[in-house]
Amino acid sequence: MRINHAILIRALPADRLEDFVNDWLAQRCKDYHSHELWRGTGDMGRDVTGYVTDKRMEGPWDNFQCKQLSKSLSESSALVELGKIFMHSTAGEYSLPRSYTFVAPRGVARAVQQFIAHPERFRAAFLERWNADISGKLVEKQAIQLTPEIEATIKAFDFTQIHWLDAARLVEDPACKPALVKWFDEDPGPSPRGVVPDEIDVCESSYIGQLLKLYEEKGPGIFPDATAALASPEFGTHLRDQRTRFFDSVAFDRFYRDSTPEDYLPNFKDEIYHGVVEIHGDDHENGLARLRQVMQQAAILQPSGILGKHAGPQVKQGTCHQFANDGRLPWHR
């Protein structure tokens, strides 16, 4: 039975929801230069922030306000939480965020949904209701009246950039997959097979250059380039197999780099390395014999974790070619 991750997210304690959202933002690396988790008193209306540039809060930034409640986020709470941003921004604590997202696992009240769907209506409500419904709830035992400066800040903010996410919407975001894997042991599924280009790609040139030297050592023949080796009755099939393995491992890396936490793939590769390094270092008749022994060993390795479950023999063997590319386990020494 498929796990209902939305239910699990709704069950997280409030501080753990912030941690989960922080892990989610960590995977949105294409959107953010960096991110930061704010916690406890003094957060000034910020829970998790995503920074667009290295200027962090002095440049464009997005705010993710986490509200782990027993029911949907109410209209009153939404107004107050957003009001904190306008108050602190007006006071010079930070610039206005580029966007503001309520992360409320149980969703938002219909009134909040309506406001977010009608940005200018939302702005008007803020200005109209500040003194009556917001000012007395921003700072304990103090009323923060709508000053001309706060009014200008509200008018300067782009209300089209207010959003909301419930647990179901959060789970549907592709960037959430690694967090689901980390927190709830979600299975990201198998990786696609690699696509072997007709021409030798620059990313494979190093290990192929090493293979050509092994072929020449074994003989017969001289192989100035991969085309010559591919045309060889002796080594053509062997080289095609190695390229298949290499690109299967590249596709594997690409898939799990995007769908699992950042330490999963390095840990998988470390297990492959330690599983073959002793055989690689043994004495062998020649370099090609060394390669074949390493490939046999790699094929039967059983790495731990979810990546080990999905790594077929060709992926583990192709990973060894990546080690040769990087000079970690060169084929020709």
C-alpha atoms as a PDB file:
ATOM      1  CA  MET A   1       0.000   0.000   0.000  1.00  0.00           C
ATOM      2  CA  ARG A   2       1.344   3.426  -0.943  1.00  0.00           C
ATOM      3  CA  ILE A   3       2.307   5.609   2.009  1.00  0.00           C
ATOM      4  CA  ASN A   4       0.189   8.721   2.502  1.00  0.00           C
ATOM      5  CA  HIS A   5       2.972  11.237   3.128  1.00  0.00           C
ATOM      6  CA  ALA A   6       0.548  14.128   3.564  1.00  0.00           C
ATOM      7  CA  ILE A   7      -0.849  12.460   6.691  1.00  0.00           C
ATOM      8  CA  LEU A   8       2.671  11.929   8.040  1.00  0.00           C
ATOM      9  CA  ILE A   9       3.573  15.583   7.459  1.00  0.00           C
ATOM     10  CA  ARG A  10       0.425  16.709   9.287  1.00  0.00           C
ATOM     11  CA  ALA A  11       1.542  14.611  12.263  1.00  0.00           C
ATOM     12  CA  LEU A  12       4.957  16.292  12.596  1.00  0.00           C
ATOM     13  CA  PRO A  13       5.505  18.527  15.643  1.00  0.00           C
ATOM     14  CA  ALA A  14       5.770  22.219  14.790  1.00  0.00           C
ATOM     15  CA  ASP A  15       9.578  22.369  15.075  1.00  0.00           C
ATOM     16  CA  ARG A  16       9.968  19.215  13.008  1.00  0.00           C
ATOM     17  CA  LEU A  17       7.799  20.721  10.282  1.00  0.00           C
ATOM     18  CA  GLU A  18      10.276  23.596  10.101  1.00  0.00           C
ATOM     19  CA  ASP A  19      13.115  21.070   9.774  1.00  0.00           C
ATOM     20  CA  PHE A  20      11.221  19.255   7.027  1.00  0.00           C
ATOM     21  CA  VAL A  21      10.638  22.486   5.105  1.00  0.00           C
ATOM     22  CA  ASN A  22      14.319  23.355   5.538  1.00  0.00           C
ATOM     23  CA  ASP A  23      15.277  19.994   3.991  1.00  0.00           C
ATOM     24  CA  TRP A  24      12.814  20.615   1.177  1.00  0.00           C
ATOM     25  CA  LEU A  25      14.399  23.997   0.417  1.00  0.00           C
ATOM     26  CA  ALA A  26      17.840  22.384   0.429  1.00  0.00           C
ATOM     27  CA  GLN A  27      16.820  20.526  -2.722  1.00  0.00           C
ATOM     28  CA  ARG A  28      15.604  23.650  -4.495  1.00  0.00           C
ATOM     29  CA  CYS A  29      19.220  24.559  -5.192  1.00  0.00           C
ATOM     30  CA  LYS A  30      18.323  25.879  -8.630  1.00  0.00           C
ATOM     31  CA  ASP A  31      16.020  28.424  -6.987  1.00  0.00           C
ATOM     32  CA  TYR A  32      18.209  29.543  -4.092  1.00  0.00           C
ATOM     33  CA  HIS A  33      21.792  30.407  -3.355  1.00  0.00           C
ATOM     34  CA  SER A  34      21.252  29.236   0.230  1.00  0.00           C
ATOM     35  CA  HIS A  35      18.590  28.878   2.904  1.00  0.00           C
ATOM     36  CA  GLU A  36      18.265  29.415   6.629  1.00  0.00           C
ATOM     37  CA  LEU A  37      16.158  28.050   9.451  1.00  0.00           C
ATOM     38  CA  TRP A  38      14.952  30.519  12.094  1.00  0.00           C
ATOM     39  CA  ARG A  39      13.555  29.063  15.264  1.00  0.00           C
ATOM     40  CA  GLY A  40      11.914  30.242  18.496  1.00  0.00           C
ATOM     41  CA  THR A  41      11.393  33.742  19.793  1.00  0.00           C
ATOM     42  CA  GLY A  42      12.891  36.620  17.870  1.00  0.00           C
ATOM     43  CA  ASP A  43      12.352  35.118  14.429  1.00  0.00           C
ATOM     44  CA  MET A  44      10.550  38.320  13.368  1.00  0.00           C
ATOM     45  CA  GLY A  45       7.940  36.448  11.361  1.00  0.00           C
ATOM     46  CA  ARG A  46      10.436  34.184   9.579  1.00  0.00           C
ATOM     47  CA  ASP A  47      10.546  30.399   9.886  1.00  0.00           C
ATOM     48  CA  VAL A  48      12.573  29.263   6.872  1.00  0.00           C
ATOM     49  CA  THR A  49      14.085  31.698   4.385  1.00  0.00           C
ATOM     50  CA  GLY A  50      15.433  31.044   0.914  1.00  0.00           C
ATOM     51  CA  TYR A  51      18.114  33.456  -0.332  1.00  0.00           C
ATOM     52  CA  VAL A  52      18.342  34.160  -4.050  1.00  0.00           C
ATOM     53  CA  THR A  53      21.887  35.589  -3.927  1.00  0.00           C
ATOM     54  CA  ASP A  54      24.893  35.639  -1.622  1.00  0.00           C
ATOM     55  CA  LYS A  55      23.582  38.935  -0.211  1.00  0.00           C
ATOM     56  CA  ARG A  56      21.074  36.763   1.633  1.00  0.00           C
ATOM     57  CA  MET A  57      18.517  38.969   3.415  1.00  0.00           C
ATOM     58  CA  GLU A  58      19.984  42.107   1.894  1.00  0.00           C
ATOM     59  CA  GLY A  59      19.089  40.743  -1.524  1.00  0.00           C
ATOM     60  CA  PRO A  60      15.958  39.011  -2.862  1.00  0.00           C
ATOM     61  CA  TRP A  61      14.614  36.411  -0.453  1.00  0.00           C
ATOM     62  CA  ASP A  62      11.545  34.248   0.060  1.00  0.00           C
ATOM     63  CA  ASN A  63       9.827  33.529   3.358  1.00  0.00           C
ATOM     64  CA  PHE A  64       8.203  30.206   4.244  1.00  0.00           C
ATOM     65  CA  GLN A  65       5.995  30.497   7.304  1.00  0.00           C
ATOM     66  CA  CYS A  66       5.260  27.095   8.849  1.00  0.00           C
ATOM     67  CA  LYS A  67       1.969  26.713  10.685  1.00  0.00           C
ATOM     68  CA  GLN A  68       1.484  23.254  12.134  1.00  0.00           C
ATOM     69  CA  LEU A  69      -2.043  23.549  13.534  1.00  0.00           C
ATOM     70  CA  SER A  70      -4.833  21.205  14.565  1.00  0.00           C
ATOM     71  CA  LYS A  71      -7.017  22.845  11.912  1.00  0.00           C
ATOM     72  CA  SER A  72      -6.612  25.029   8.854  1.00  0.00           C
ATOM     73  CA  LEU A  73      -4.847  28.396   9.114  1.00  0.00           C
ATOM     74  CA  SER A  74      -7.435  30.991  10.100  1.00  0.00           C
ATOM     75  CA  GLU A  75      -7.964  34.389   8.537  1.00  0.00           C
ATOM     76  CA  SER A  76      -6.924  36.161  11.753  1.00  0.00           C
ATOM     77  CA  SER A  77      -3.681  34.186  12.071  1.00  0.00           C
ATOM     78  CA  ALA A  78      -2.781  34.768   8.425  1.00  0.00           C
ATOM     79  CA  LEU A  79      -3.233  38.516   8.770  1.00  0.00           C
ATOM     80  CA  VAL A  80      -1.112  38.673  11.922  1.00  0.00           C
ATOM     81  CA  GLU A  81       1.715  36.506  10.558  1.00  0.00           C
ATOM     82  CA  LEU A  82       1.990  38.560   7.404  1.00  0.00           C
ATOM     83  CA  GLY A  83       1.625  41.739   9.453  1.00  0.00           C
ATOM     84  CA  LYS A  84       4.832  40.857  11.308  1.00  0.00           C
ATOM     85  CA  ILE A  85       6.716  41.002   8.027  1.00  0.00           C
ATOM     86  CA  PHE A  86       5.400  44.481   7.237  1.00  0.00           C
ATOM     87  CA  MET A  87       6.126  45.702  10.759  1.00  0.00           C
ATOM     88  CA  HIS A  88       9.708  44.436  10.911  1.00  0.00           C
ATOM     89  CA  SER A  89      10.486  45.441   7.343  1.00  0.00           C
ATOM     90  CA  THR A  90       9.251  48.972   8.023  1.00  0.00           C
ATOM     91  CA  ALA A  91      11.444  49.061  11.131  1.00  0.00           C
ATOM     92  CA  GLY A  92      14.471  48.308   8.945  1.00  0.00           C
ATOM     93  CA  GLU A  93      15.111  44.788  10.265  1.00  0.00           C
ATOM     94  CA  TYR A  94      15.148  43.391   6.724  1.00  0.00           C
ATOM     95  CA  SER A  95      13.923  44.128   3.223  1.00  0.00           C
ATOM     96  CA  LEU A  96      10.538  42.951   2.034  1.00  0.00           C
ATOM     97  CA  PRO A  97      10.626  39.334   0.855  1.00  0.00           C
ATOM     98  CA  ARG A  98      10.195  38.557  -2.807  1.00  0.00           C
ATOM     99  CA  SER A  99       7.477  36.067  -1.917  1.00  0.00           C
ATOM    100  CA  TYR A 100       5.681  34.749   1.141  1.00  0.00           C
ATOM    101  CA  THR A 101       4.352  31.191   1.452  1.00  0.00           C
ATOM    102  CA  PHE A 102       2.201  29.801   4.229  1.00  0.00           C
ATOM    103  CA  VAL A 103       3.171  26.147   4.767  1.00  0.00           C
ATOM    104  CA  ALA A 104       0.094  24.866   6.591  1.00  0.00           C
ATOM    105  CA  PRO A 105      -0.202  21.063   6.412  1.00  0.00           C
ATOM    106  CA  ARG A 106      -3.963  21.201   7.109  1.00  0.00           C
ATOM    107  CA  GLY A 107      -4.494  23.980   4.625  1.00  0.00           C
ATOM    108  CA  VAL A 108      -5.848  27.489   4.992  1.00  0.00           C
ATOM    109  CA  ALA A 109      -9.339  28.734   5.775  1.00  0.00           C
ATOM    110  CA  ARG A 110     -11.548  29.549   2.806  1.00  0.00           C
ATOM    111  CA  ALA A 111     -11.277  33.258   3.591  1.00  0.00           C
ATOM    112  CA  VAL A 112      -7.467  33.055   3.384  1.00  0.00           C
ATOM    113  CA  GLN A 113      -7.694  31.129   0.135  1.00  0.00           C
ATOM    114  CA  GLN A 114     -10.008  33.806  -1.252  1.00  0.00           C
ATOM    115  CA  PHE A 115      -7.648  36.584  -0.203  1.00  0.00           C
ATOM    116  CA  ILE A 116      -4.646  34.902  -1.830  1.00  0.00           C
ATOM    117  CA  ALA A 117      -6.685  34.371  -4.998  1.00  0.00           C
ATOM    118  CA  HIS A 118      -7.520  38.114  -5.061  1.00  0.00           C
ATOM    119  CA  PRO A 119      -4.237  39.958  -4.329  1.00  0.00           C
ATOM    120  CA  GLU A 120      -5.546  43.517  -4.441  1.00  0.00           C
ATOM    121  CA  ARG A 121      -8.516  42.601  -2.287  1.00  0.00           C
ATOM    122  CA  PHE A 122      -6.019  41.155   0.180  1.00  0.00           C
ATOM    123  CA  ARG A 123      -4.000  44.394   0.188  1.00  0.00           C
ATOM    124  CA  ALA A 124      -7.136  46.465   0.756  1.00  0.00           C
ATOM    125  CA  ALA A 125      -8.159  44.246   3.674  1.00  0.00           C
ATOM    126  CA  PHE A 126      -4.760  44.728   5.280  1.00  0.00           C
ATOM    127  CA  LEU A 127      -5.006  48.472   5.108  1.00  0.00           C
ATOM    128  CA  GLU A 128      -8.614  48.515   6.264  1.00  0.00           C
ATOM    129  CA  ARG A 129      -8.273  46.040   9.133  1.00  0.00           C
ATOM    130  CA  TRP A 130      -4.803  46.802  10.472  1.00  0.00           C
ATOM    131  CA  ASN A 131      -5.769  48.953  13.428  1.00  0.00           C
ATOM    132  CA  ALA A 132      -8.796  46.864  14.436  1.00  0.00           C
ATOM    133  CA  ASP A 133      -7.604  43.278  13.851  1.00  0.00           C
ATOM    134  CA  ILE A 134      -3.805  43.279  13.530  1.00  0.00           C
ATOM    135  CA  SER A 135      -2.115  46.068  15.478  1.00  0.00           C
ATOM    136  CA  GLY A 136      -2.738  44.646  18.960  1.00  0.00           C
ATOM    137  CA  LYS A 137      -1.524  41.131  18.111  1.00  0.00           C
ATOM    138  CA  LEU A 138       1.937  41.852  16.734  1.00  0.00           C
ATOM    139  CA  VAL A 139       3.788  42.713  19.951  1.00  0.00           C
ATOM    140  CA  GLU A 140       2.712  41.622  23.422  1.00  0.00           C
ATOM    141  CA  LYS A 141       0.969  44.400  25.421  1.00  0.00           C
ATOM    142  CA  GLN A 142       1.498  46.904  22.642  1.00  0.00           C
ATOM    143  CA  ALA A 143      -0.527  48.202  19.721  1.00  0.00           C
ATOM    144  CA  ILE A 144       1.340  48.893  16.485  1.00  0.00           C
ATOM    145  CA  GLN A 145      -0.815  51.424  14.667  1.00  0.00           C
ATOM    146  CA  LEU A 146      -0.901  51.767  10.904  1.00  0.00           C
ATOM    147  CA  THR A 147       1.659  54.524  10.342  1.00  0.00           C
ATOM    148  CA  PRO A 148       2.281  56.122   6.942  1.00  0.00           C
ATOM    149  CA  GLU A 149       5.520  54.128   6.813  1.00  0.00           C
ATOM    150  CA  ILE A 150       3.813  50.761   7.396  1.00  0.00           C
ATOM    151  CA  GLU A 151       1.117  51.720   4.892  1.00  0.00           C
ATOM    152  CA  ALA A 152       3.810  52.469   2.307  1.00  0.00           C
ATOM    153  CA  THR A 153       5.433  49.094   2.998  1.00  0.00           C
ATOM    154  CA  ILE A 154       2.118  47.278   2.477  1.00  0.00           C
ATOM    155  CA  LYS A 155       1.548  49.164  -0.768  1.00  0.00           C
ATOM    156  CA  ALA A 156       5.088  48.319  -1.934  1.00  0.00           C
ATOM    157  CA  PHE A 157       4.693  44.571  -1.464  1.00  0.00           C
ATOM    158  CA  ASP A 158       3.608  42.409  -4.410  1.00  0.00           C
ATOM    159  CA  PHE A 159       0.541  40.597  -3.074  1.00  0.00           C
ATOM    160  CA  THR A 160       0.527  38.294  -6.112  1.00  0.00           C
ATOM    161  CA  GLN A 161       3.537  36.634  -4.481  1.00  0.00           C
ATOM    162  CA  ILE A 162       1.626  35.316  -1.464  1.00  0.00           C
ATOM    163  CA  HIS A 163       1.064  31.559  -1.695  1.00  0.00           C
ATOM    164  CA  TRP A 164      -0.015  28.639   0.437  1.00  0.00           C
ATOM    165  CA  LEU A 165       0.923  24.991   0.584  1.00  0.00           C
ATOM    166  CA  ASP A 166      -0.890  22.230   2.412  1.00  0.00           C
ATOM    167  CA  ALA A 167       0.677  18.823   2.982  1.00  0.00           C
ATOM    168  CA  ALA A 168      -0.731  17.383  -0.259  1.00  0.00           C
ATOM    169  CA  ARG A 169       0.635  20.248  -2.369  1.00  0.00           C
ATOM    170  CA  LEU A 170       4.005  20.013  -0.643  1.00  0.00           C
ATOM    171  CA  VAL A 171       4.274  16.293  -1.379  1.00  0.00           C
ATOM    172  CA  GLU A 172       3.536  16.917  -5.077  1.00  0.00           C
ATOM    173  CA  ASP A 173       6.527  19.252  -5.472  1.00  0.00           C
ATOM    174  CA  PRO A 174       9.331  17.263  -7.171  1.00  0.00           C
ATOM    175  CA  ALA A 175      11.875  18.997  -4.918  1.00  0.00           C
ATOM    176  CA  CYS A 176      10.150  17.415  -1.918  1.00  0.00           C
ATOM    177  CA  LYS A 177      11.130  13.874  -2.950  1.00  0.00           C
ATOM    178  CA  PRO A 178      14.521  13.816  -1.164  1.00  0.00           C
ATOM    179  CA  ALA A 179      12.909  15.046   2.049  1.00  0.00           C
ATOM    180  CA  LEU A 180      10.313  12.276   1.798  1.00  0.00           C
ATOM    181  CA  VAL A 181      13.107   9.738   1.307  1.00  0.00           C
ATOM    182  CA  LYS A 182      14.991  11.051   4.332  1.00  0.00           C
ATOM    183  CA  TRP A 183      12.041  11.470   6.676  1.00  0.00           C
ATOM    184  CA  PHE A 184       9.687   8.660   5.710  1.00  0.00           C
ATOM    185  CA  ASP A 185      11.846   6.140   3.798  1.00  0.00           C
ATOM    186  CA  GLU A 186      10.055   6.918   0.565  1.00  0.00           C
ATOM    187  CA  ASP A 187      11.314   4.790  -2.339  1.00  0.00           C
ATOM    188  CA  PRO A 188      12.264   7.107  -5.225  1.00  0.00           C
ATOM    189  CA  GLY A 189      12.003   4.169  -7.627  1.00  0.00           C
ATOM    190  CA  PRO A 190      14.444   2.865 -10.232  1.00  0.00           C
ATOM    191  CA  SER A 191      16.603   5.178 -12.300  1.00  0.00           C
ATOM    192  CA  PRO A 192      16.299   5.299 -16.086  1.00  0.00           C
ATOM    193  CA  ARG A 193      18.828   3.529 -18.269  1.00  0.00           C
ATOM    194  CA  GLY A 194      21.654   5.568 -19.715  1.00  0.00           C
ATOM    195  CA  VAL A 195      21.777   6.755 -23.315  1.00  0.00           C
ATOM    196  CA  VAL A 196      25.082   6.027 -25.044  1.00  0.00           C
ATOM    197  CA  PRO A 197      25.942   8.716 -27.619  1.00  0.00           C
ATOM    198  CA  ASP A 198      27.306   7.683 -30.984  1.00  0.00           C
ATOM    199  CA  GLU A 199      30.310   9.974 -30.591  1.00  0.00           C
ATOM    200  CA  ILE A 200      32.682   9.809 -27.644  1.00  0.00           C
ATOM    201  CA  ASP A 201      31.624  12.429 -25.102  1.00  0.00           C
ATOM    202  CA  VAL A 202      34.157  14.541 -23.255  1.00  0.00           C
ATOM    203  CA  CYS A 203      32.864  13.150 -19.939  1.00  0.00           C
ATOM    204  CA  GLU A 204      34.074   9.648 -20.872  1.00  0.00           C
ATOM    205  CA  SER A 205      37.307  10.519 -22.628  1.00  0.00           C
ATOM    206  CA  SER A 206      39.581   9.838 -19.652  1.00  0.00           C
ATOM    207  CA  TYR A 207      38.577   6.276 -18.821  1.00  0.00           C
ATOM    208  CA  ILE A 208      38.304   5.389 -22.518  1.00  0.00           C
ATOM    209  CA  GLY A 209      41.813   6.702 -23.079  1.00  0.00           C
ATOM    210  CA  GLN A 210      42.957   4.377 -20.299  1.00  0.00           C
ATOM    211  CA  LEU A 211      41.105   1.428 -21.868  1.00  0.00           C
ATOM    212  CA  LEU A 212      42.804   2.041 -25.213  1.00  0.00           C
ATOM    213  CA  LYS A 213      46.181   1.675 -23.491  1.00  0.00           C
ATOM    214  CA  LEU A 214      45.051  -1.602 -21.908  1.00  0.00           C
ATOM    215  CA  TYR A 215      43.970  -2.912 -25.300  1.00  0.00           C
ATOM    216  CA  GLU A 216      47.359  -2.057 -26.767  1.00  0.00           C
ATOM    217  CA  GLU A 217      49.122  -3.777 -23.871  1.00  0.00           C
ATOM    218  CA  LYS A 218      47.057  -6.905 -24.424  1.00  0.00           C
ATOM    219  CA  GLY A 219      47.359  -6.719 -28.209  1.00  0.00           C
ATOM    220  CA  PRO A 220      47.294  -7.220 -30.985  1.00  0.00           C
ATOM    221  CA  GLY A 221      46.960  -3.820 -32.589  1.00  0.00           C
ATOM    222  CA  ILE A 222      47.388  -0.105 -32.001  1.00  0.00           C
ATOM    223  CA  PHE A 223      44.348   1.958 -31.045  1.00  0.00           C
ATOM    224  CA  PRO A 224      44.891   5.690 -31.513  1.00  0.00           C
ATOM    225  CA  ASP A 225      41.221   6.429 -30.784  1.00  0.00           C
ATOM    226  CA  ALA A 226      37.947   4.829 -29.734  1.00  0.00           C
ATOM    227  CA  THR A 227      36.807   4.427 -33.335  1.00  0.00           C
ATOM    228  CA  ALA A 228      39.694   2.075 -33.998  1.00  0.00           C
ATOM    229  CA  ALA A 229      38.905   0.037 -30.883  1.00  0.00           C
ATOM    230  CA  LEU A 230      35.193  -0.168 -31.707  1.00  0.00           C
ATOM    231  CA  ALA A 231      36.094  -1.570 -35.126  1.00  0.00           C
ATOM    232  CA  SER A 232      38.333  -4.226 -33.574  1.00  0.00           C
ATOM    233  CA  PRO A 233      36.996  -7.820 -33.485  1.00  0.00           C
ATOM    234  CA  GLU A 234      38.969  -8.340 -30.306  1.00  0.00           C
ATOM    235  CA  PHE A 235      37.891  -5.287 -28.290  1.00  0.00           C
ATOM    236  CA  GLY A 236      34.921  -3.675 -30.044  1.00  0.00           C
ATOM    237  CA  THR A 237      32.232  -5.455 -28.022  1.00  0.00           C
ATOM    238  CA  HIS A 238      34.177  -4.970 -24.812  1.00  0.00           C
ATOM    239  CA  LEU A 239      34.384  -1.203 -25.330  1.00  0.00           C
ATOM    240  CA  ARG A 240      30.673  -0.973 -26.185  1.00  0.00           C
ATOM    241  CA  ASP A 241      29.835  -2.795 -22.956  1.00  0.00           C
ATOM    242  CA  GLN A 242      31.995  -0.427 -20.914  1.00  0.00           C
ATOM    243  CA  ARG A 243      30.313   2.617 -22.443  1.00  0.00           C
ATOM    244  CA  THR A 244      26.881   1.150 -21.634  1.00  0.00           C
ATOM    245  CA  ARG A 245      27.950   0.619 -18.037  1.00  0.00           C
ATOM    246  CA  PHE A 246      29.383   4.111 -17.750  1.00  0.00           C
ATOM    247  CA  PHE A 247      26.282   5.890 -19.057  1.00  0.00           C
ATOM    248  CA  ASP A 248      23.984   3.722 -16.967  1.00  0.00           C
ATOM    249  CA  SER A 249      25.935   4.905 -13.916  1.00  0.00           C
ATOM    250  CA  VAL A 250      25.734   8.517 -15.087  1.00  0.00           C
ATOM    251  CA  ALA A 251      21.945   8.256 -15.450  1.00  0.00           C
ATOM    252  CA  PHE A 252      21.775   6.603 -12.030  1.00  0.00           C
ATOM    253  CA  ASP A 253      23.751   9.447 -10.463  1.00  0.00           C
ATOM    254  CA  ARG A 254      21.648  12.125 -12.103  1.00  0.00           C
ATOM    255  CA  PHE A 255      18.373  10.534 -11.001  1.00  0.00           C
ATOM    256  CA  TYR A 256      19.293   9.927  -7.378  1.00  0.00           C
ATOM    257  CA  ARG A 257      21.158  13.214  -6.999  1.00  0.00           C
ATOM    258  CA  ASP A 258      17.788  14.891  -7.581  1.00  0.00           C
ATOM    259  CA  SER A 259      15.582  12.439  -5.698  1.00  0.00           C
ATOM    260  CA  THR A 260      17.504  11.560  -2.516  1.00  0.00           C
ATOM    261  CA  PRO A 261      19.307  13.544   0.227  1.00  0.00           C
ATOM    262  CA  GLU A 262      22.727  14.816  -0.773  1.00  0.00           C
ATOM    263  CA  ASP A 263      24.714  12.261   1.246  1.00  0.00           C
ATOM    264  CA  TYR A 264      23.036   9.166  -0.233  1.00  0.00           C
ATOM    265  CA  LEU A 265      24.926   9.086  -3.532  1.00  0.00           C
ATOM    266  CA  PRO A 266      28.400   9.761  -2.048  1.00  0.00           C
ATOM    267  CA  ASN A 267      27.797   7.023   0.527  1.00  0.00           C
ATOM    268  CA  PHE A 268      26.776   4.597  -2.228  1.00  0.00           C
ATOM    269  CA  LYS A 269      29.930   5.395  -4.194  1.00  0.00           C
ATOM    270  CA  ASP A 270      32.115   4.983  -1.128  1.00  0.00           C
ATOM    271  CA  GLU A 271      30.714   1.485  -0.615  1.00  0.00           C
ATOM    272  CA  ILE A 272      31.477   0.579  -4.229  1.00  0.00           C
ATOM    273  CA  TYR A 273      34.999   1.949  -3.882  1.00  0.00           C
ATOM    274  CA  HIS A 274      35.759   0.017  -0.715  1.00  0.00           C
ATOM    275  CA  GLY A 275      34.235  -3.093  -2.234  1.00  0.00           C
ATOM    276  CA  VAL A 276      36.686  -3.158  -5.152  1.00  0.00           C
ATOM    277  CA  VAL A 277      39.790  -1.228  -4.054  1.00  0.00           C
ATOM    278  CA  GLU A 278      41.660  -4.268  -2.717  1.00  0.00           C
ATOM    279  CA  ILE A 279      41.122  -6.236  -5.919  1.00  0.00           C
ATOM    280  CA  HIS A 280      42.159  -3.205  -7.943  1.00  0.00           C
ATOM    281  CA  GLY A 281      45.395  -3.044  -5.970  1.00  0.00           C
ATOM    282  CA  ASP A 282      46.255  -6.745  -6.316  1.00  0.00           C
ATOM    283  CA  ASP A 283      48.879  -8.008  -8.717  1.00  0.00           C
ATOM    284  CA  HIS A 284      47.376  -8.973 -12.083  1.00  0.00           C
ATOM    285  CA  GLU A 285      48.718 -10.420 -15.291  1.00  0.00           C
ATOM    286  CA  ASN A 286      47.976  -7.142 -17.076  1.00  0.00           C
ATOM    287  CA  GLY A 287      45.743  -4.085 -16.852  1.00  0.00           C
ATOM    288  CA  LEU A 288      42.866  -5.710 -18.716  1.00  0.00           C
ATOM    289  CA  ALA A 289      42.901  -8.626 -16.282  1.00  0.00           C
ATOM    290  CA  ARG A 290      42.732  -6.113 -13.422  1.00  0.00           C
ATOM    291  CA  LEU A 291      39.730  -4.421 -15.019  1.00  0.00           C
ATOM    292  CA  ARG A 292      37.897  -7.719 -15.495  1.00  0.00           C
ATOM    293  CA  GLN A 293      38.454  -8.778 -11.894  1.00  0.00           C
ATOM    294  CA  VAL A 294      37.217  -5.425 -10.615  1.00  0.00           C
ATOM    295  CA  MET A 295      34.156  -5.634 -12.863  1.00  0.00           C
ATOM    296  CA  GLN A 296      33.314  -9.118 -11.599  1.00  0.00           C
ATOM    297  CA  GLN A 297      33.604  -7.956  -8.009  1.00  0.00           C
ATOM    298  CA  ALA A 298      31.568  -4.780  -8.595  1.00  0.00           C
ATOM    299  CA  ALA A 299      28.741  -6.779 -10.167  1.00  0.00           C
ATOM    300  CA  ILE A 300      28.167  -8.849  -7.031  1.00  0.00           C
ATOM    301  CA  LEU A 301      28.492  -6.076  -4.458  1.00  0.00           C
ATOM    302  CA  GLN A 302      25.379  -5.368  -2.392  1.00  0.00           C
ATOM    303  CA  PRO A 303      25.558  -1.744  -1.206  1.00  0.00           C
ATOM    304  CA  SER A 304      23.258  -0.745   1.619  1.00  0.00           C
ATOM    305  CA  GLY A 305      20.206   1.466   1.540  1.00  0.00           C
ATOM    306  CA  ILE A 306      17.720   2.404  -1.132  1.00  0.00           C
ATOM    307  CA  LEU A 307      20.401   3.079  -3.759  1.00  0.00           C
ATOM    308  CA  GLY A 308      21.851  -0.387  -3.269  1.00  0.00           C
ATOM    309  CA  LYS A 309      18.380  -1.785  -3.903  1.00  0.00           C
ATOM    310  CA  HIS A 310      18.170  -0.099  -7.295  1.00  0.00           C
ATOM    311  CA  ALA A 311      21.784  -0.415  -8.473  1.00  0.00           C
ATOM    312  CA  GLY A 312      22.106  -3.179 -11.065  1.00  0.00           C
ATOM    313  CA  PRO A 313      25.466  -4.746 -12.023  1.00  0.00           C
ATOM    314  CA  GLN A 314      26.050  -2.330 -14.887  1.00  0.00           C
ATOM    315  CA  VAL A 315      25.567   0.716 -12.624  1.00  0.00           C
ATOM    316  CA  LYS A 316      28.072  -0.593 -10.078  1.00  0.00           C
ATOM    317  CA  GLN A 317      30.518  -1.449 -12.854  1.00  0.00           C
ATOM    318  CA  GLY A 318      30.034   1.933 -14.515  1.00  0.00           C
ATOM    319  CA  THR A 319      30.747   3.620 -11.200  1.00  0.00           C
ATOM    320  CA  CYS A 320      34.205   2.046 -11.344  1.00  0.00           C
ATOM    321  CA  HIS A 321      34.743   3.767 -14.690  1.00  0.00           C
ATOM    322  CA  GLN A 322      33.848   7.017 -12.964  1.00  0.00           C
ATOM    323  CA  PHE A 323      36.579   6.275 -10.422  1.00  0.00           C
ATOM    324  CA  ALA A 324      38.997   5.751 -13.315  1.00  0.00           C
ATOM    325  CA  ASN A 325      37.869   9.051 -14.843  1.00  0.00           C
ATOM    326  CA  ASP A 326      38.583  10.836 -11.565  1.00  0.00           C
ATOM    327  CA  GLY A 327      41.964   9.146 -11.082  1.00  0.00           C
ATOM    328  CA  ARG A 328      40.700   7.424  -7.947  1.00  0.00           C
ATOM    329  CA  LEU A 329      41.071   3.898  -9.397  1.00  0.00           C
ATOM    330  CA  PRO A 330      42.844   4.307 -12.742  1.00  0.00           C
ATOM    331  CA  TRP A 331      42.792   1.412 -15.172  1.00  0.00           C
ATOM    332  CA  HIS A 332      46.208   2.238 -16.624  1.00  0.00           C
ATOM    333  CA  ARG A 333      48.988   2.891 -14.118  1.00  0.00           C
END
